[in-house]
C-alpha atoms as a PDB file:
ATOM      1  CA  MET A   1      21.324 -50.526 -51.574  1.00  0.00           C
ATOM      2  CA  ARG A   2      20.102 -47.500 -49.660  1.00  0.00           C
ATOM      3  CA  THR A   3      19.720 -43.901 -50.736  1.00  0.00           C
ATOM      4  CA  TYR A   4      21.934 -41.362 -48.952  1.00  0.00           C
ATOM      5  CA  GLU A   5      22.230 -37.588 -48.959  1.00  0.00           C
ATOM      6  CA  SER A   6      25.491 -35.808 -48.339  1.00  0.00           C
ATOM      7  CA  VAL A   7      26.159 -32.117 -47.765  1.00  0.00           C
ATOM      8  CA  ILE A   8      29.789 -31.138 -48.157  1.00  0.00           C
ATOM      9  CA  ILE A   9      31.319 -27.724 -47.423  1.00  0.00           C
ATOM     10  CA  VAL A  10      34.610 -27.059 -49.202  1.00  0.00           C
ATOM     11  CA  LYS A  11      37.049 -24.178 -48.777  1.00  0.00           C
ATOM     12  CA  PRO A  12      35.953 -20.904 -50.404  1.00  0.00           C
ATOM     13  CA  GLN A  13      39.381 -20.361 -51.999  1.00  0.00           C
ATOM     14  CA  LEU A  14      38.732 -23.132 -54.532  1.00  0.00           C
ATOM     15  CA  SER A  15      37.999 -22.034 -58.084  1.00  0.00           C
ATOM     16  CA  ASP A  16      34.939 -23.311 -59.946  1.00  0.00           C
ATOM     17  CA  GLY A  17      37.195 -25.732 -61.835  1.00  0.00           C
ATOM     18  CA  GLU A  18      38.626 -27.145 -58.610  1.00  0.00           C
ATOM     19  CA  VAL A  19      35.125 -27.553 -57.155  1.00  0.00           C
ATOM     20  CA  GLY A  20      34.040 -29.381 -60.315  1.00  0.00           C
ATOM     21  CA  GLU A  21      37.097 -31.629 -60.079  1.00  0.00           C
ATOM     22  CA  PHE A  22      36.298 -32.376 -56.414  1.00  0.00           C
ATOM     23  CA  VAL A  23      32.707 -33.357 -57.307  1.00  0.00           C
ATOM     24  CA  LEU A  24      33.967 -35.565 -60.136  1.00  0.00           C
ATOM     25  CA  LYS A  25      36.377 -37.394 -57.789  1.00  0.00           C
ATOM     26  CA  ALA A  26      33.607 -37.893 -55.204  1.00  0.00           C
ATOM     27  CA  LYS A  27      31.320 -39.342 -57.892  1.00  0.00           C
ATOM     28  CA  GLU A  28      34.138 -41.629 -59.089  1.00  0.00           C
ATOM     29  CA  LEU A  29      34.669 -42.887 -55.517  1.00  0.00           C
ATOM     30  CA  ILE A  30      30.964 -43.683 -55.198  1.00  0.00           C
ATOM     31  CA  ALA A  31      30.924 -45.489 -58.571  1.00  0.00           C
ATOM     32  CA  LYS A  32      34.134 -47.394 -57.740  1.00  0.00           C
ATOM     33  CA  HIS A  33      32.401 -48.959 -54.719  1.00  0.00           C
ATOM     34  CA  GLY A  34      29.307 -49.986 -56.659  1.00  0.00           C
ATOM     35  CA  GLY A  35      27.151 -46.951 -55.910  1.00  0.00           C
ATOM     36  CA  GLU A  36      25.399 -44.536 -58.207  1.00  0.00           C
ATOM     37  CA  VAL A  37      24.891 -40.767 -57.936  1.00  0.00           C
ATOM     38  CA  THR A  38      21.249 -39.876 -58.526  1.00  0.00           C
ATOM     39  CA  SER A  39      21.438 -36.126 -57.954  1.00  0.00           C
ATOM     40  CA  GLU A  40      24.028 -33.412 -57.435  1.00  0.00           C
ATOM     41  CA  GLU A  41      23.768 -29.685 -56.785  1.00  0.00           C
ATOM     42  CA  LYS A  42      26.260 -26.915 -56.301  1.00  0.00           C
ATOM     43  CA  LEU A  43      24.534 -24.688 -53.778  1.00  0.00           C
ATOM     44  CA  GLY A  44      27.156 -21.936 -53.981  1.00  0.00           C
ATOM     45  CA  ARG A  45      29.107 -19.878 -51.489  1.00  0.00           C
ATOM     46  CA  ARG A  46      27.425 -19.124 -48.181  1.00  0.00           C
ATOM     47  CA  LYS A  47      28.477 -17.236 -45.054  1.00  0.00           C
ATOM     48  CA  PHE A  48      28.727 -19.124 -41.761  1.00  0.00           C
ATOM     49  CA  THR A  49      27.144 -17.854 -38.550  1.00  0.00           C
ATOM     50  CA  HIS A  50      30.471 -18.532 -36.812  1.00  0.00           C
ATOM     51  CA  GLU A  51      34.004 -19.360 -37.920  1.00  0.00           C
ATOM     52  CA  VAL A  52      34.924 -22.909 -38.901  1.00  0.00           C
ATOM     53  CA  ASN A  53      38.697 -23.476 -38.846  1.00  0.00           C
ATOM     54  CA  HIS A  54      39.210 -19.671 -39.018  1.00  0.00           C
ATOM     55  CA  VAL A  55      37.104 -19.427 -42.189  1.00  0.00           C
ATOM     56  CA  ARG A  56      33.921 -17.321 -42.451  1.00  0.00           C
ATOM     57  CA  ASP A  57      32.313 -18.868 -45.576  1.00  0.00           C
ATOM     58  CA  GLY A  58      32.349 -21.999 -47.705  1.00  0.00           C
ATOM     59  CA  PHE A  59      31.109 -23.579 -50.928  1.00  0.00           C
ATOM     60  CA  TYR A  60      28.194 -25.961 -50.334  1.00  0.00           C
ATOM     61  CA  LEU A  61      27.697 -29.160 -52.352  1.00  0.00           C
ATOM     62  CA  TYR A  62      24.791 -31.629 -52.216  1.00  0.00           C
ATOM     63  CA  LEU A  63      25.037 -35.231 -53.424  1.00  0.00           C
ATOM     64  CA  LYS A  64      22.276 -37.844 -53.395  1.00  0.00           C
ATOM     65  CA  PHE A  65      23.460 -41.365 -54.111  1.00  0.00           C
ATOM     66  CA  LYS A  66      22.640 -45.039 -53.740  1.00  0.00           C
ATOM     67  CA  ALA A  67      25.207 -47.270 -52.067  1.00  0.00           C
ATOM     68  CA  GLU A  68      25.713 -50.121 -49.657  1.00  0.00           C
ATOM     69  CA  PRO A  69      25.650 -49.155 -45.943  1.00  0.00           C
ATOM     70  CA  LYS A  70      29.304 -50.167 -45.404  1.00  0.00           C
ATOM     71  CA  PHE A  71      30.388 -47.609 -48.036  1.00  0.00           C
ATOM     72  CA  VAL A  72      29.270 -44.643 -45.900  1.00  0.00           C
ATOM     73  CA  LYS A  73      32.203 -45.127 -43.498  1.00  0.00           C
ATOM     74  CA  ILE A  74      34.632 -45.242 -46.430  1.00  0.00           C
ATOM     75  CA  PHE A  75      33.097 -42.097 -47.945  1.00  0.00           C
ATOM     76  CA  ASP A  76      33.164 -40.178 -44.648  1.00  0.00           C
ATOM     77  CA  SER A  77      36.791 -41.186 -44.031  1.00  0.00           C
ATOM     78  CA  ALA A  78      37.801 -40.012 -47.504  1.00  0.00           C
ATOM     79  CA  LEU A  79      36.093 -36.652 -46.918  1.00  0.00           C
ATOM     80  CA  LYS A  80      37.735 -36.196 -43.506  1.00  0.00           C
ATOM     81  CA  LEU A  81      41.176 -36.823 -44.995  1.00  0.00           C
ATOM     82  CA  ASN A  82      40.637 -34.385 -47.867  1.00  0.00           C
ATOM     83  CA  GLU A  83      42.204 -30.992 -47.066  1.00  0.00           C
ATOM     84  CA  LYS A  84      39.679 -29.168 -49.286  1.00  0.00           C
ATOM     85  CA  VAL A  85      36.723 -30.201 -47.090  1.00  0.00           C
ATOM     86  CA  LEU A  86      35.749 -28.035 -44.108  1.00  0.00           C
ATOM     87  CA  ARG A  87      32.715 -30.057 -43.010  1.00  0.00           C
ATOM     88  CA  SER A  88      30.552 -32.883 -44.318  1.00  0.00           C
ATOM     89  CA  MET A  89      27.480 -34.831 -43.267  1.00  0.00           C
ATOM     90  CA  THR A  90      26.034 -37.980 -44.826  1.00  0.00           C
ATOM     91  CA  MET A  91      22.643 -39.349 -43.827  1.00  0.00           C
ATOM     92  CA  ILE A  92      19.991 -41.758 -45.031  1.00  0.00           C
ATOM     93  CA  ALA A  93      17.537 -40.054 -47.387  1.00  0.00           C
ATOM     94  CA  MET A  94      13.976 -40.248 -46.125  1.00  0.00           C
ATOM     95  CA  GLU A  95      11.062 -40.371 -48.506  1.00  0.00           C
ATOM     96  CA  VAL A  96       8.341 -37.898 -47.628  1.00  0.00           C
ATOM     97  CA  LYS A  97       4.933 -39.289 -48.367  1.00  0.00           C
ATOM     98  CA  ALA A  98       2.396 -36.642 -49.227  1.00  0.00           C
ATOM     99  CA  LYS A  99      -0.837 -36.842 -47.270  1.00  0.00           C
ATOM    100  CA  PRO A 100      -4.040 -36.442 -49.235  1.00  0.00           C
ATOM    101  CA  ALA A 101      -5.780 -33.108 -48.771  1.00  0.00           C
ATOM    102  CA  PRO A 102      -8.571 -33.241 -46.196  1.00  0.00           C
ATOM    103  CA  VAL A 103     -12.105 -33.292 -47.532  1.00  0.00           C
ATOM    104  CA  VAL A 104     -14.068 -30.234 -46.468  1.00  0.00           C
ATOM    105  CA  ALA A 105     -17.683 -30.965 -45.656  1.00  0.00           C
ATOM    106  CA  LYS A 106     -20.252 -28.412 -46.801  1.00  0.00           C
END
């Protein structure tokens, strides 16, 4: 299994309850296909720099999950078919390895 990150922008007209329900359904879809959600964040409403489908802002969601590579196509298709979603992007999560601090010679 690989680790993936997904940013999803949903319509701003959704109430907090509807956004919570959407996140719950997304997590259920991931679990149904053998994946596991490791992190989730509701990043809140943000303004766009330009209109997307005649909308000027959206509610941003972040999900980090582990799943099989073939599941990503299923997940993206489900998001594209959902009328609540304006945009979404799923990518492989990259681990950032911290470099040791350089030693300063005196």
